[in-house]
Amino acid sequence: MEFALALLSVPPDELEALDWSFADRKRLLDHFLRSGKAAQRISRDVLAQSPITLRLPRRDLAPLQRFARRELPKAASNAAMLDRVIRVLDEAA
């Protein structure tokens, strides 16, 4: 969820710097929305330790990696989450 909120917080000039359009951001957010709906089925007691599957086209992997390295540290309040996200994106590439 924190990753999706960080995507929403990117101002238009930063979207340009990432070489994204508003449609690109919406498409990426849609990936997170689908994953969030799946996460709703997981008990709150174990959710923090549960891996959540994010299915996305390979073409979206590199843009998310750039975002995770460039913008997410500005918005993320959880360093462990940031480390996990970057590690998983790197492994998927």
Protein backbone atom coordinates (compact mmCIF):
# COMPACT_ATOMS: atom_id res chain seq x y z
CA MET A 1 0.00 0.00 0.00
CA GLU A 2 2.81 2.38 0.86
CA PHE A 3 4.32 1.82 -2.60
CA ALA A 4 1.01 2.69 -4.28
CA LEU A 5 0.61 5.81 -2.15
CA ALA A 6 4.11 6.88 -3.13
CA LEU A 7 3.14 6.46 -6.80
CA LEU A 8 0.16 8.73 -6.23
CA SER A 9 2.32 11.38 -4.60
CA VAL A 10 4.61 11.86 -7.62
CA PRO A 11 4.04 15.37 -9.01
CA PRO A 12 3.76 15.97 -12.78
CA ASP A 13 7.35 17.21 -13.18
CA GLU A 14 8.67 14.05 -11.49
CA LEU A 15 6.49 11.93 -13.76
CA GLU A 16 8.23 13.60 -16.68
CA ALA A 17 11.64 12.89 -15.15
CA LEU A 18 10.64 9.22 -14.89
CA ASP A 19 9.48 9.37 -18.53
CA TRP A 20 5.93 8.46 -17.45
CA SER A 21 2.54 9.75 -18.44
CA PHE A 22 -0.50 9.86 -16.19
CA ALA A 23 -1.74 6.79 -18.07
CA ASP A 24 1.49 4.95 -17.21
CA ARG A 25 1.03 5.75 -13.53
CA LYS A 26 -2.61 4.64 -13.63
CA ARG A 27 -1.62 1.34 -15.25
CA LEU A 28 0.99 0.74 -12.54
CA LEU A 29 -1.49 1.63 -9.82
CA ASP A 30 -3.96 -0.84 -11.30
CA HIS A 31 -1.38 -3.61 -10.76
CA PHE A 32 -1.18 -2.65 -7.09
CA LEU A 33 -4.97 -2.46 -6.77
CA ARG A 34 -5.32 -6.05 -7.99
CA SER A 35 -2.68 -7.19 -5.50
CA GLY A 36 -4.37 -5.25 -2.70
CA LYS A 37 -7.66 -6.97 -3.39
CA ALA A 38 -5.92 -10.33 -3.07
CA ALA A 39 -4.30 -9.20 0.19
CA GLN A 40 -7.71 -8.44 1.69
CA ARG A 41 -8.27 -12.19 1.95
CA ILE A 42 -5.26 -12.58 4.28
CA SER A 43 -5.76 -12.35 8.03
CA ARG A 44 -4.49 -9.07 9.50
CA ASP A 45 -2.48 -11.06 12.05
CA VAL A 46 -0.19 -12.49 9.36
CA LEU A 47 -0.47 -9.87 6.63
CA ALA A 48 2.73 -8.01 7.55
CA GLN A 49 4.78 -11.20 7.17
CA SER A 50 2.95 -12.51 4.10
CA PRO A 51 4.36 -12.11 0.62
CA ILE A 52 1.94 -10.40 -1.73
CA THR A 53 2.08 -11.33 -5.40
CA LEU A 54 2.30 -8.45 -7.85
CA ARG A 55 1.68 -9.54 -11.41
CA LEU A 56 2.77 -7.08 -14.04
CA PRO A 57 4.00 -7.10 -17.61
CA ARG A 58 7.78 -7.27 -18.03
CA ARG A 59 7.71 -3.84 -19.71
CA ASP A 60 6.60 -2.31 -16.38
CA LEU A 61 9.41 -3.85 -14.37
CA ALA A 62 12.18 -1.39 -15.35
CA PRO A 63 10.00 1.70 -14.75
CA LEU A 64 9.07 0.39 -11.30
CA GLN A 65 12.74 -0.26 -10.52
CA ARG A 66 13.62 3.33 -11.50
CA PHE A 67 10.76 4.62 -9.38
CA ALA A 68 11.74 2.47 -6.39
CA ARG A 69 15.30 3.78 -6.46
CA ARG A 70 14.60 7.39 -7.36
CA GLU A 71 11.27 8.37 -5.79
CA LEU A 72 10.22 5.77 -3.23
CA PRO A 73 12.91 6.72 -0.67
CA LYS A 74 11.42 10.25 -0.61
CA ALA A 75 7.96 8.95 0.31
CA ALA A 76 8.49 5.65 2.15
CA SER A 77 8.39 5.63 5.92
CA ASN A 78 9.37 1.97 6.21
CA ALA A 79 12.99 1.27 5.24
CA ALA A 80 12.51 -2.50 5.49
CA MET A 81 9.66 -2.33 2.98
CA LEU A 82 11.81 -0.27 0.65
CA ASP A 83 14.64 -2.82 0.84
CA ARG A 84 12.25 -5.72 0.18
CA VAL A 85 10.64 -4.01 -2.80
CA ILE A 86 13.97 -3.17 -4.44
CA ARG A 87 15.30 -6.68 -3.81
CA VAL A 88 12.21 -8.34 -5.30
CA LEU A 89 12.20 -6.05 -8.34
CA ASP A 90 15.89 -6.78 -8.91
CA GLU A 91 15.31 -10.53 -8.63
CA ALA A 92 12.40 -10.34 -11.08
CA ALA A 93 14.53 -8.52 -13.65
